[in-house]
Amino acid sequence: MDLKQPTAVKGFDMDKVIVKTNNPMIRELQNQTMKVGYEAIYDCEIPEIPTICASHKDVHGLLVDRELITPEEVRQLRETLQNELFPIILFAGDMTDPEAGAWIGAGVSEILQLPMPAPLIGKRIGNVIRMYCMSGQSRDRLTGLYNRHAFYHFAREMILADPEAEYTIIISDIEHFKLINERFGEETGDQLLKYVGDSLSAMNGEDVLFARYGGDEFVGIMKRNTSEVEQSEAPLANGMEFMYANAPVEHFEAKFGIYDNVDKSLPISIMCDRAMVALKTIKSQYGRMLAKYTPQMQQKFLREQQIVDSMEEAIRQEQFQVYYQPKHSAVTSEVIGVEALVRWEHPSFGFMSPGEFIPLFERNGFISKLDLYVWNQVCKDVKRWQQMGLPVVPVSVNASRRDIIQEKFVEAIAEPLKKYEVDPAFFHMEITESIFMEDAEILAPTIKDLQEHGIRIELDDFGSGFSSLGILSKLPLDIIKLDISLIRNLEAQPQIVESIIQLMHTLGYGVIAEGVETDYQLELLQQMGCDGVQGYFYSKPLTFNGLKKYMEQFADS
């Protein structure tokens, strides 16, 4: 039975079926009209079928005459195969309803009552096998949604069925899903995935199809009328509002990348890639739920991919350079510390601003490796200052959320301190306020552990838009750094900054202002009692040698 695979099931490996029949018409179909997409395996015994299936993963069904098998053999075969999705098609003549019920109860998938026109037999066999095989191979086991490859097939079918309509491709994922797994456990993570899958499945219909794309990602296609072209996000917003209200994990957030008005000549996989490009632009951006694809995004994505491809090599070749920006006393102007800032001298792109690669590394997790690289370099530089006989001031080093949640983060921080034999009192850890908005209690023990190792903690970007006095009560802190946005508005609203400084002093925190650029800003901060200032009024970030000269000049003065 030399049968070719039909276009409708392309991509699914349905190659062979086992045929046990004495019907000459069925056998003759191999050279005539039964082109359902499968090659026949003849002349095997019923007990041999499980062995054949085990050794040939491309066997996708059994076609058998009623006279060549018994209901008990069907039942035993089902028990041995342990696969309800393996189709067993029975060829039979006239059969009463009770007889048919007995065969179906034993495990037969479909009964084809002969005689029947040969072309119709072929079509019926193909439909049954395709239905069973696609049910097993195209469904995601956890969520029950179609998987990625099945989605490609059915999305294309939807477009071909109505090529004049407009379509939208949607890619979604769960923000910080790995952290959810780490915090609540994989079982809860699976429950959340299933819950999201169920919620999206409820939106499926004639013009909407959602599927699981892989991992914590989901994909969908929507057919829209012309009047709905600008409304693709409306059903998403409505569906997500309900989803958030009933989710098994509180405060989870889903992001959506949208490719609107798709180019229907493109493969579905490329359409999905474009939606994914849009999604990546809002990863780790608080409050942004969706983004729509634009051609400019693709250009940015390609550049970001080049950055990702070269980041490991950049560590090995020490392309990342640590710069230091001085902090000065607001009262005496003496240098009271420096902040370590990373820069990248890329071999192809040249000098790169941290704003171009730091957000990308925070999304893909490389930030933890970079932060440890910077920490190690800072420890080495502090040792060099000591060996040169220069005065050593505290160095602030930035830490990300990914750093703090790592199980052995404190041990990783302590290792270079021991290696270079430098005092932890020379080091501060800067942590942005936004990362504590939801999990302050969880992260607080790690912060306390760092303090117990002698490292002081600075809360960075205070007043950037996330500020909450509740955070101050939950975290062990030493210094508050006022966000640059407060300093830019200092002249217009000085009373706000002054009130914050007074409150922080009442709570026992030191206060440093970032972004100080003018004499007047410095004068106001001095009058308000601010402890320290940092910004271009005194100095831009400096190289190691540049800071050495800067410190020597201040020491001489």
Protein backbone atom coordinates (compact mmCIF):
# COMPACT_ATOMS: atom_id res chain seq x y z
CA MET A 1 0.00 0.00 0.00
CA ASP A 2 2.19 2.81 -1.33
CA LEU A 3 0.42 5.83 0.12
CA LYS A 4 1.58 9.45 0.01
CA GLN A 5 1.21 11.85 2.88
CA PRO A 6 -1.47 14.49 2.21
CA THR A 7 -0.87 18.21 2.45
CA ALA A 8 -3.44 18.57 5.23
CA VAL A 9 -1.27 16.72 7.70
CA LYS A 10 2.16 17.83 6.53
CA GLY A 11 4.57 18.04 9.42
CA PHE A 12 3.08 15.08 11.32
CA ASP A 13 4.95 11.80 10.93
CA MET A 14 2.00 9.54 10.07
CA ASP A 15 3.78 7.05 7.83
CA LYS A 16 2.52 3.50 8.45
CA VAL A 17 -0.58 1.55 9.41
CA ILE A 18 -0.98 -2.17 10.14
CA VAL A 19 -3.52 -3.83 7.85
CA LYS A 20 -5.10 -7.25 8.54
CA THR A 21 -7.70 -7.98 5.91
CA ASN A 22 -8.84 -10.70 3.54
CA ASN A 23 -10.90 -8.22 1.56
CA PRO A 24 -9.41 -8.01 -1.94
CA MET A 25 -10.88 -4.54 -2.44
CA ILE A 26 -9.02 -3.17 0.57
CA ARG A 27 -5.77 -4.69 -0.64
CA GLU A 28 -6.35 -3.41 -4.15
CA LEU A 29 -6.62 0.14 -2.83
CA GLN A 30 -2.84 0.29 -2.51
CA ASN A 31 -2.57 0.75 -6.26
CA GLN A 32 -5.78 2.70 -6.82
CA THR A 33 -7.63 5.36 -4.87
CA MET A 34 -6.82 4.98 -1.15
CA LYS A 35 -4.25 7.78 -0.99
CA VAL A 36 -4.62 8.68 2.66
CA GLY A 37 -0.98 9.19 3.49
CA TYR A 38 0.21 5.87 4.96
CA GLU A 39 2.24 2.83 4.04
CA ALA A 40 0.68 -0.53 4.95
CA ILE A 41 2.29 -3.26 7.05
CA TYR A 42 0.74 -6.65 6.16
CA ASP A 43 0.78 -10.20 7.46
CA CYS A 44 1.50 -9.73 11.16
CA GLU A 45 -0.29 -11.46 13.99
CA ILE A 46 -2.33 -9.55 16.59
CA PRO A 47 0.09 -10.41 19.48
CA GLU A 48 2.96 -8.97 17.41
CA ILE A 49 1.38 -5.52 17.10
CA PRO A 50 2.71 -4.03 20.40
CA THR A 51 6.25 -5.10 19.46
CA ILE A 52 5.91 -3.58 16.00
CA CYS A 53 4.60 -0.33 17.47
CA ALA A 54 7.44 -0.21 20.00
CA SER A 55 10.11 -0.66 17.32
CA HIS A 56 8.45 1.55 14.69
CA LYS A 57 7.40 4.90 16.15
CA ASP A 58 5.82 5.86 12.81
CA VAL A 59 3.04 3.21 13.06
CA HIS A 60 -0.21 5.09 13.53
CA GLY A 61 -3.09 2.64 13.46
CA LEU A 62 -4.58 -0.81 12.84
CA LEU A 63 -7.07 -1.67 10.07
CA VAL A 64 -8.57 -5.11 10.69
CA ASP A 65 -11.43 -7.35 9.49
CA ARG A 66 -13.97 -8.34 12.14
CA GLU A 67 -13.29 -12.00 11.30
CA LEU A 68 -9.56 -11.65 12.11
CA ILE A 69 -9.82 -10.27 15.66
CA THR A 70 -12.03 -10.71 18.72
CA PRO A 71 -13.30 -8.12 21.20
CA GLU A 72 -11.10 -9.71 23.87
CA GLU A 73 -8.03 -9.34 21.65
CA VAL A 74 -8.92 -5.68 21.11
CA ARG A 75 -9.20 -5.21 24.86
CA GLN A 76 -5.84 -6.93 25.50
CA LEU A 77 -4.22 -4.91 22.74
CA ARG A 78 -5.42 -1.67 24.32
CA GLU A 79 -4.07 -2.73 27.72
CA THR A 80 -0.69 -3.68 26.24
CA LEU A 81 -0.32 -0.54 24.11
CA GLN A 82 -1.54 1.76 26.90
CA ASN A 83 -2.39 4.28 24.22
CA GLU A 84 -5.99 5.40 23.82
CA LEU A 85 -4.96 7.53 20.85
CA PHE A 86 -3.87 4.52 18.73
CA PRO A 87 -6.74 4.15 16.20
CA ILE A 88 -8.20 0.67 15.66
CA ILE A 89 -10.52 0.64 12.63
CA LEU A 90 -12.75 -2.40 12.19
CA PHE A 91 -14.01 -3.54 8.78
CA ALA A 92 -17.41 -5.22 9.11
CA GLY A 93 -20.55 -6.07 7.22
CA ASP A 94 -24.02 -5.60 8.65
CA MET A 95 -23.90 -5.09 12.44
CA THR A 96 -26.58 -4.50 15.03
CA ASP A 97 -26.29 -1.61 17.47
CA PRO A 98 -25.56 -3.94 20.46
CA GLU A 99 -22.79 -5.62 18.46
CA ALA A 100 -21.27 -2.28 17.50
CA GLY A 101 -21.48 -1.14 21.11
CA ALA A 102 -19.60 -4.23 22.27
CA TRP A 103 -16.77 -3.58 19.81
CA ILE A 104 -16.54 0.10 20.73
CA GLY A 105 -16.58 -0.86 24.42
CA ALA A 106 -13.68 -3.24 23.82
CA GLY A 107 -11.60 -0.41 22.38
CA VAL A 108 -12.35 -0.15 18.65
CA SER A 109 -12.06 3.47 17.46
CA GLU A 110 -14.24 3.30 14.34
CA ILE A 111 -16.36 0.71 12.52
CA LEU A 112 -16.51 0.90 8.72
CA GLN A 113 -19.45 -1.13 7.47
CA LEU A 114 -18.79 -2.61 4.02
CA PRO A 115 -19.54 -2.58 1.18
CA MET A 116 -18.63 1.07 0.63
CA PRO A 117 -17.24 2.88 -2.43
CA ALA A 118 -13.44 2.59 -2.50
CA PRO A 119 -12.77 6.35 -2.54
CA LEU A 120 -15.03 6.83 0.46
CA ILE A 121 -13.22 4.06 2.36
CA GLY A 122 -9.90 5.79 1.79
CA LYS A 123 -11.26 9.15 2.90
CA ARG A 124 -12.89 7.68 6.04
CA ILE A 125 -9.68 5.87 7.02
CA GLY A 126 -7.59 8.98 6.49
CA ASN A 127 -9.94 11.17 8.54
CA VAL A 128 -10.03 8.76 11.48
CA ILE A 129 -6.28 8.24 11.65
CA ARG A 130 -5.55 11.92 11.22
CA MET A 131 -7.99 12.81 14.00
CA TYR A 132 -6.44 10.35 16.44
CA CYS A 133 -2.84 11.03 15.53
CA MET A 134 -3.22 14.79 15.62
CA SER A 135 -5.02 14.54 18.94
CA GLY A 136 -1.93 12.87 20.36
CA GLN A 137 0.81 14.76 18.55
CA SER A 138 -0.60 18.25 18.28
CA ARG A 139 -1.88 18.79 21.80
CA ASP A 140 0.18 20.11 24.68
CA ARG A 141 -0.19 17.63 27.52
CA LEU A 142 -0.24 20.17 30.34
CA THR A 143 -2.65 22.77 28.96
CA GLY A 144 -4.59 20.77 26.36
CA LEU A 145 -3.99 23.54 23.82
CA TYR A 146 -2.51 22.88 20.40
CA ASN A 147 1.30 22.94 20.37
CA ARG A 148 3.44 25.22 18.24
CA HIS A 149 3.59 23.05 15.11
CA ALA A 150 -0.13 22.33 15.15
CA PHE A 151 -0.74 26.06 15.54
CA TYR A 152 1.32 26.75 12.42
CA HIS A 153 -0.89 24.29 10.53
CA PHE A 154 -4.27 25.51 11.77
CA ALA A 155 -3.34 29.19 11.57
CA ARG A 156 -2.42 28.70 7.92
CA GLU A 157 -5.69 26.83 7.37
CA MET A 158 -7.60 29.76 8.91
CA ILE A 159 -5.93 32.25 6.59
CA LEU A 160 -6.42 30.08 3.50
CA ALA A 161 -10.10 29.66 4.36
CA ASP A 162 -10.65 33.45 4.23
CA PRO A 163 -7.66 35.14 2.58
CA GLU A 164 -9.47 38.49 2.26
CA ALA A 165 -9.77 38.98 6.02
CA GLU A 166 -7.25 40.78 8.23
CA TYR A 167 -5.39 38.76 10.86
CA THR A 168 -3.39 39.41 14.02
CA ILE A 169 -0.73 37.13 15.48
CA ILE A 170 -0.20 37.33 19.24
CA ILE A 171 2.66 35.98 21.34
CA SER A 172 2.33 36.04 25.13
CA ASP A 173 4.47 34.99 28.04
CA ILE A 174 4.37 35.12 31.82
CA GLU A 175 6.68 37.73 33.26
CA HIS A 176 9.40 36.33 35.54
CA PHE A 177 8.02 32.79 35.27
CA LYS A 178 11.33 31.28 36.41
CA LEU A 179 11.10 33.32 39.58
CA ILE A 180 7.57 32.04 40.14
CA ASN A 181 8.89 28.47 39.86
CA GLU A 182 11.70 29.23 42.29
CA ARG A 183 9.43 30.95 44.79
CA PHE A 184 6.34 28.72 44.69
CA GLY A 185 7.66 25.48 43.21
CA GLU A 186 7.27 23.84 39.80
CA GLU A 187 3.92 22.30 40.69
CA THR A 188 2.43 25.75 41.27
CA GLY A 189 4.15 26.95 38.10
CA ASP A 190 2.45 24.17 36.15
CA GLN A 191 -0.88 25.09 37.74
CA LEU A 192 -0.41 28.66 36.56
CA LEU A 193 0.44 27.51 33.02
CA LYS A 194 -2.65 25.30 32.93
CA TYR A 195 -4.77 28.13 34.29
CA VAL A 196 -3.52 30.54 31.63
CA GLY A 197 -4.05 27.84 29.02
CA ASP A 198 -7.64 27.31 30.18
CA SER A 199 -8.28 31.06 30.13
CA LEU A 200 -6.95 31.43 26.59
CA SER A 201 -8.78 28.30 25.47
CA ALA A 202 -12.03 29.93 26.58
CA MET A 203 -11.38 32.65 23.99
CA ASN A 204 -10.99 30.13 21.13
CA GLY A 205 -13.66 30.10 18.49
CA GLU A 206 -14.21 30.32 14.76
CA ASP A 207 -12.13 33.50 14.45
CA VAL A 208 -9.71 33.03 17.37
CA LEU A 209 -7.19 30.28 18.07
CA PHE A 210 -4.74 30.18 20.97
CA ALA A 211 -2.06 27.52 21.46
CA ARG A 212 0.96 26.86 23.63
CA TYR A 213 4.12 28.10 21.95
CA GLY A 214 6.53 26.51 24.41
CA GLY A 215 7.71 27.02 27.99
CA ASP A 216 5.68 29.87 29.47
CA GLU A 217 4.82 31.27 26.03
CA PHE A 218 1.46 31.15 24.27
CA VAL A 219 0.52 32.07 20.71
CA GLY A 220 -2.73 33.12 19.09
CA ILE A 221 -4.27 34.22 15.81
CA MET A 222 -7.33 36.45 15.48
CA LYS A 223 -9.37 37.09 12.36
CA ARG A 224 -10.79 40.59 12.35
CA ASN A 225 -13.26 42.59 10.34
CA THR A 226 -12.07 45.87 8.84
CA SER A 227 -13.86 47.80 11.60
CA GLU A 228 -11.86 45.89 14.22
CA VAL A 229 -8.39 46.66 12.87
CA GLU A 230 -7.52 48.92 15.80
CA GLN A 231 -9.27 46.77 18.40
CA SER A 232 -7.05 43.68 18.57
CA GLU A 233 -6.05 44.43 22.13
CA ALA A 234 -9.62 44.75 23.45
CA PRO A 235 -10.35 41.01 23.86
CA LEU A 236 -6.90 40.57 25.39
CA ALA A 237 -7.51 43.25 27.98
CA ASN A 238 -10.92 41.81 28.87
CA GLY A 239 -9.61 38.27 29.08
CA MET A 240 -6.58 39.22 31.15
CA GLU A 241 -8.67 41.21 33.63
CA PHE A 242 -10.63 38.05 34.42
CA MET A 243 -7.47 35.93 34.40
CA TYR A 244 -5.64 38.09 36.94
CA ALA A 245 -8.63 38.09 39.28
CA ASN A 246 -8.76 34.31 39.59
CA ALA A 247 -5.18 33.16 39.09
CA PRO A 248 -3.52 30.59 41.41
CA VAL A 249 -0.53 32.97 41.76
CA GLU A 250 -1.19 36.53 42.84
CA HIS A 251 0.43 39.48 41.08
CA PHE A 252 1.63 37.52 38.06
CA GLU A 253 1.79 39.52 34.86
CA ALA A 254 1.40 38.45 31.23
CA LYS A 255 2.94 40.37 28.33
CA PHE A 256 1.68 40.37 24.74
CA GLY A 257 3.53 40.98 21.49
CA ILE A 258 1.20 41.74 18.56
CA TYR A 259 1.83 41.51 14.83
CA ASP A 260 -1.15 43.31 13.31
CA ASN A 261 -2.33 43.21 9.68
CA VAL A 262 -0.04 40.29 8.96
CA ASP A 263 1.67 39.82 5.62
CA LYS A 264 -0.24 36.69 4.60
CA SER A 265 2.51 35.65 2.16
CA LEU A 266 4.87 34.99 5.09
CA PRO A 267 5.19 31.61 6.81
CA ILE A 268 3.30 31.47 10.09
CA SER A 269 6.60 30.94 11.92
CA ILE A 270 7.91 34.29 10.62
CA MET A 271 4.67 36.00 11.66
CA CYS A 272 5.21 34.59 15.16
CA ASP A 273 8.81 35.79 15.14
CA ARG A 274 7.60 39.33 14.48
CA ALA A 275 5.13 39.17 17.35
CA MET A 276 7.96 37.85 19.52
CA VAL A 277 10.14 40.82 18.55
CA ALA A 278 7.39 43.14 19.78
CA LEU A 279 7.05 41.16 23.00
CA LYS A 280 10.75 41.44 23.77
CA THR A 281 10.56 45.23 23.71
CA ILE A 282 8.40 45.30 26.87
CA LYS A 283 9.97 42.51 28.88
CA SER A 284 10.68 43.61 32.46
CA GLN A 285 8.91 46.94 31.86
CA TYR A 286 6.54 47.53 34.73
CA GLY A 287 2.96 48.33 33.73
CA ARG A 288 3.32 47.70 29.97
CA MET A 289 1.08 44.82 28.89
CA LEU A 290 1.40 44.82 25.10
CA ALA A 291 3.46 46.10 22.20
CA LYS A 292 2.78 46.07 18.46
CA TYR A 293 5.39 45.09 15.91
CA THR A 294 7.00 47.74 13.70
CA PRO A 295 9.80 47.31 11.13
CA GLN A 296 12.05 49.43 13.36
CA MET A 297 11.68 46.80 16.08
CA GLN A 298 13.20 44.21 13.76
CA GLN A 299 16.29 46.36 13.25
CA LYS A 300 16.64 46.82 16.99
CA PHE A 301 16.12 43.11 17.56
CA LEU A 302 18.89 42.20 15.11
CA ARG A 303 21.30 44.56 16.88
CA GLU A 304 20.32 43.14 20.26
CA GLN A 305 20.92 39.65 18.92
CA GLN A 306 24.42 40.69 17.88
CA ILE A 307 24.97 42.00 21.41
CA VAL A 308 23.77 38.73 22.94
CA ASP A 309 25.95 36.69 20.58
CA SER A 310 29.05 38.60 21.70
CA MET A 311 28.42 38.97 25.47
CA GLU A 312 30.25 35.81 26.62
CA GLU A 313 33.27 36.64 24.50
CA ALA A 314 33.22 40.17 25.93
CA ILE A 315 33.65 38.73 29.44
CA ARG A 316 36.53 36.51 28.34
CA GLN A 317 38.30 39.37 26.55
CA GLU A 318 37.58 41.87 29.36
CA GLN A 319 35.82 44.27 27.00
CA PHE A 320 33.67 45.47 29.90
CA GLN A 321 35.39 48.32 31.69
CA VAL A 322 34.61 49.63 35.17
CA TYR A 323 34.32 53.39 35.54
CA TYR A 324 34.01 55.25 38.85
CA GLN A 325 31.93 58.35 39.56
CA PRO A 326 32.93 60.21 42.74
CA LYS A 327 30.52 61.05 45.58
CA HIS A 328 31.23 64.18 47.56
CA SER A 329 30.22 65.47 50.94
CA ALA A 330 27.58 68.15 50.48
CA VAL A 331 29.18 70.08 53.33
CA THR A 332 32.96 69.74 52.96
CA SER A 333 33.18 68.67 49.28
CA GLU A 334 35.62 65.89 50.20
CA VAL A 335 35.36 62.58 48.30
CA ILE A 336 33.32 60.23 50.49
CA GLY A 337 32.89 57.40 48.02
CA VAL A 338 32.57 56.33 44.40
CA GLU A 339 30.00 54.37 42.38
CA ALA A 340 31.23 51.61 40.06
CA LEU A 341 29.63 51.85 36.61
CA VAL A 342 30.18 49.43 33.73
CA ARG A 343 30.93 50.43 30.14
CA TRP A 344 31.47 48.24 27.09
CA GLU A 345 34.07 48.85 24.42
CA HIS A 346 32.51 46.65 21.73
CA PRO A 347 34.80 45.60 18.85
CA SER A 348 32.06 46.27 16.26
CA PHE A 349 29.83 48.90 17.87
CA GLY A 350 32.50 50.88 19.70
CA PHE A 351 31.81 52.51 23.07
CA MET A 352 28.37 51.41 24.24
CA SER A 353 26.17 53.12 26.80
CA PRO A 354 24.96 50.83 29.59
CA GLY A 355 21.42 51.84 28.69
CA GLU A 356 21.78 49.77 25.52
CA PHE A 357 22.96 46.50 27.04
CA ILE A 358 22.01 46.49 30.74
CA PRO A 359 18.21 46.19 30.18
CA LEU A 360 18.88 43.42 27.66
CA PHE A 361 21.07 41.53 30.12
CA GLU A 362 18.46 41.95 32.84
CA ARG A 363 15.94 40.25 30.56
CA ASN A 364 18.11 37.34 29.49
CA GLY A 365 19.77 36.75 32.88
CA PHE A 366 23.35 37.59 31.81
CA ILE A 367 23.26 40.52 34.22
CA SER A 368 24.19 38.22 37.11
CA LYS A 369 27.37 37.12 35.38
CA LEU A 370 28.22 40.70 34.48
CA ASP A 371 27.55 41.93 38.03
CA LEU A 372 29.95 39.35 39.46
CA TYR A 373 32.53 40.31 36.85
CA VAL A 374 32.22 43.97 37.93
CA TRP A 375 32.35 43.03 41.62
CA ASN A 376 35.53 41.03 41.07
CA GLN A 377 37.11 43.91 39.14
CA VAL A 378 36.19 46.41 41.85
CA CYS A 379 37.78 44.22 44.54
CA LYS A 380 40.91 44.01 42.43
CA ASP A 381 40.96 47.81 41.95
CA VAL A 382 40.52 48.49 45.67
CA LYS A 383 43.51 46.24 46.34
CA ARG A 384 45.53 48.20 43.76
CA TRP A 385 44.61 51.52 45.45
CA GLN A 386 45.85 50.14 48.75
CA GLN A 387 49.10 48.97 47.18
CA MET A 388 49.62 52.42 45.64
CA GLY A 389 49.15 54.05 49.02
CA LEU A 390 46.06 55.98 47.88
CA PRO A 391 43.23 56.77 50.30
CA VAL A 392 40.49 54.19 49.91
CA VAL A 393 36.87 55.35 49.99
CA PRO A 394 33.77 53.12 49.92
CA VAL A 395 32.81 51.80 46.48
CA SER A 396 29.15 51.28 45.61
CA VAL A 397 28.42 48.36 43.28
CA ASN A 398 25.03 47.74 41.68
CA ALA A 399 23.14 44.48 42.21
CA SER A 400 20.10 43.27 40.27
CA ARG A 401 17.09 41.33 41.45
CA ARG A 402 18.47 38.22 39.76
CA ASP A 403 21.59 38.53 41.90
CA ILE A 404 19.76 38.75 45.19
CA ILE A 405 17.47 35.78 44.62
CA GLN A 406 20.38 33.46 43.83
CA GLU A 407 20.86 30.91 46.56
CA LYS A 408 24.63 31.45 46.94
CA PHE A 409 24.82 35.13 46.08
CA VAL A 410 26.39 36.19 49.39
CA GLU A 411 29.02 33.43 49.11
CA ALA A 412 29.83 34.60 45.57
CA ILE A 413 30.25 38.17 46.86
CA ALA A 414 32.47 37.08 49.75
CA GLU A 415 34.86 35.05 47.57
CA PRO A 416 36.71 37.96 45.84
CA LEU A 417 36.83 39.87 49.15
CA LYS A 418 38.87 36.99 50.55
CA LYS A 419 40.85 36.51 47.35
CA TYR A 420 42.10 40.11 47.27
CA GLU A 421 42.15 40.51 51.07
CA VAL A 422 40.09 43.69 51.10
CA ASP A 423 37.91 44.94 53.95
CA PRO A 424 34.13 44.61 53.32
CA ALA A 425 33.74 48.00 55.01
CA PHE A 426 35.03 49.55 51.77
CA PHE A 427 32.01 48.24 49.85
CA HIS A 428 28.40 49.30 49.46
CA MET A 429 25.74 47.42 47.50
CA GLU A 430 23.31 49.57 45.50
CA ILE A 431 19.89 48.03 44.99
CA THR A 432 17.13 49.74 43.03
CA GLU A 433 13.90 50.39 44.87
CA SER A 434 11.67 48.89 42.15
CA ILE A 435 12.86 45.31 42.66
CA PHE A 436 11.41 45.26 46.19
CA MET A 437 7.89 46.35 45.30
CA GLU A 438 6.39 42.86 45.71
CA ASP A 439 8.96 40.64 47.38
CA ALA A 440 10.64 42.80 50.02
CA GLU A 441 10.12 40.19 52.77
CA ILE A 442 11.65 37.45 50.60
CA LEU A 443 14.72 39.48 49.63
CA ALA A 444 15.29 41.06 53.05
CA PRO A 445 17.21 38.07 54.55
CA THR A 446 19.82 38.26 51.78
CA ILE A 447 20.20 42.00 52.35
CA LYS A 448 20.64 41.40 56.07
CA ASP A 449 23.23 38.71 55.35
CA LEU A 450 25.24 41.17 53.24
CA GLN A 451 25.19 43.67 56.10
CA GLU A 452 26.38 41.02 58.51
CA HIS A 453 29.35 40.50 56.19
CA GLY A 454 30.17 44.20 56.63
CA ILE A 455 28.69 45.52 53.37
CA ARG A 456 26.46 48.60 53.62
CA ILE A 457 23.24 48.78 51.60
CA GLU A 458 22.15 51.76 49.50
CA LEU A 459 18.60 52.00 48.18
CA ASP A 460 18.98 53.47 44.69
CA ASP A 461 16.49 55.53 42.63
CA PHE A 462 14.33 56.53 45.61
CA GLY A 463 11.51 58.71 44.27
CA SER A 464 11.62 57.30 40.73
CA GLY A 465 7.93 56.49 40.76
CA PHE A 466 7.74 53.33 42.86
CA SER A 467 8.45 54.88 46.23
CA SER A 468 6.75 53.39 49.25
CA LEU A 469 7.49 54.02 52.88
CA GLY A 470 6.40 50.44 53.48
CA ILE A 471 9.58 49.26 51.77
CA LEU A 472 11.69 51.15 54.29
CA SER A 473 10.05 49.27 57.15
CA LYS A 474 10.71 45.89 55.51
CA LEU A 475 14.33 46.28 54.44
CA PRO A 476 17.54 46.70 56.41
CA LEU A 477 19.06 49.79 54.75
CA ASP A 478 21.88 52.22 55.45
CA ILE A 479 21.72 54.92 52.77
CA ILE A 480 18.98 56.36 50.56
CA LYS A 481 19.93 57.70 47.12
CA LEU A 482 17.52 60.30 45.76
CA ASP A 483 16.60 59.66 42.13
CA ILE A 484 17.86 62.07 39.50
CA SER A 485 14.26 63.03 38.63
CA LEU A 486 13.88 64.63 42.08
CA ILE A 487 17.02 66.70 41.57
CA ARG A 488 15.92 67.86 38.12
CA ASN A 489 12.73 69.24 39.71
CA LEU A 490 14.54 70.52 42.78
CA GLU A 491 14.20 74.21 41.97
CA ALA A 492 10.49 73.89 41.12
CA GLN A 493 9.53 71.78 44.16
CA PRO A 494 12.29 72.06 46.79
CA GLN A 495 9.90 71.31 49.66
CA ILE A 496 9.39 67.72 48.45
CA VAL A 497 13.10 66.91 48.49
CA GLU A 498 13.61 68.68 51.80
CA SER A 499 10.77 66.69 53.40
CA ILE A 500 12.25 63.41 52.12
CA ILE A 501 15.70 64.27 53.47
CA GLN A 502 14.31 65.16 56.89
CA LEU A 503 12.24 61.98 57.03
CA MET A 504 15.20 59.80 56.03
CA HIS A 505 17.37 61.39 58.70
CA THR A 506 14.62 60.80 61.26
CA LEU A 507 14.64 57.13 60.28
CA GLY A 508 18.42 57.00 60.65
CA TYR A 509 19.44 56.82 56.98
CA GLY A 510 22.15 58.76 55.22
CA VAL A 511 21.02 60.60 52.08
CA ILE A 512 22.87 61.05 48.77
CA ALA A 513 21.51 63.04 45.82
CA GLU A 514 22.22 61.79 42.29
CA GLY A 515 22.44 63.93 39.17
CA VAL A 516 23.69 67.17 40.74
CA GLU A 517 24.84 69.45 37.93
CA THR A 518 24.60 73.09 39.06
CA ASP A 519 25.85 75.37 41.85
CA TYR A 520 22.28 76.21 42.78
CA GLN A 521 21.26 72.55 43.15
CA LEU A 522 24.25 71.98 45.41
CA GLU A 523 23.45 75.07 47.46
CA LEU A 524 19.84 73.99 47.98
CA LEU A 525 20.88 70.48 48.99
CA GLN A 526 23.39 71.89 51.47
CA GLN A 527 20.66 74.01 53.03
CA MET A 528 18.39 70.97 53.26
CA GLY A 529 21.04 68.98 55.11
CA CYS A 530 21.73 66.39 52.38
CA ASP A 531 24.75 64.27 53.30
CA GLY A 532 26.31 63.63 49.91
CA VAL A 533 26.03 64.47 46.24
CA GLN A 534 26.97 62.73 43.02
CA GLY A 535 26.87 64.09 39.49
CA TYR A 536 28.56 66.00 36.71
CA PHE A 537 28.89 69.12 38.86
CA TYR A 538 31.95 67.43 40.32
CA SER A 539 32.90 64.73 37.82
CA LYS A 540 31.78 62.39 35.09
CA PRO A 541 32.53 58.65 35.53
CA LEU A 542 36.28 58.05 35.38
CA THR A 543 38.58 55.20 34.44
CA PHE A 544 40.80 53.65 37.10
CA ASN A 545 43.68 55.91 36.15
CA GLY A 546 41.40 58.90 35.82
CA LEU A 547 40.07 58.34 39.34
CA LYS A 548 43.63 57.92 40.64
CA LYS A 549 44.53 61.39 39.34
CA TYR A 550 41.26 62.84 40.63
CA MET A 551 41.87 61.47 44.13
CA GLU A 552 45.45 62.72 44.13
CA GLN A 553 44.26 66.23 43.20
CA PHE A 554 41.72 66.29 46.03
CA ALA A 555 44.30 64.91 48.45
CA ASP A 556 46.70 67.72 47.51
CA SER A 557 44.00 70.37 47.87
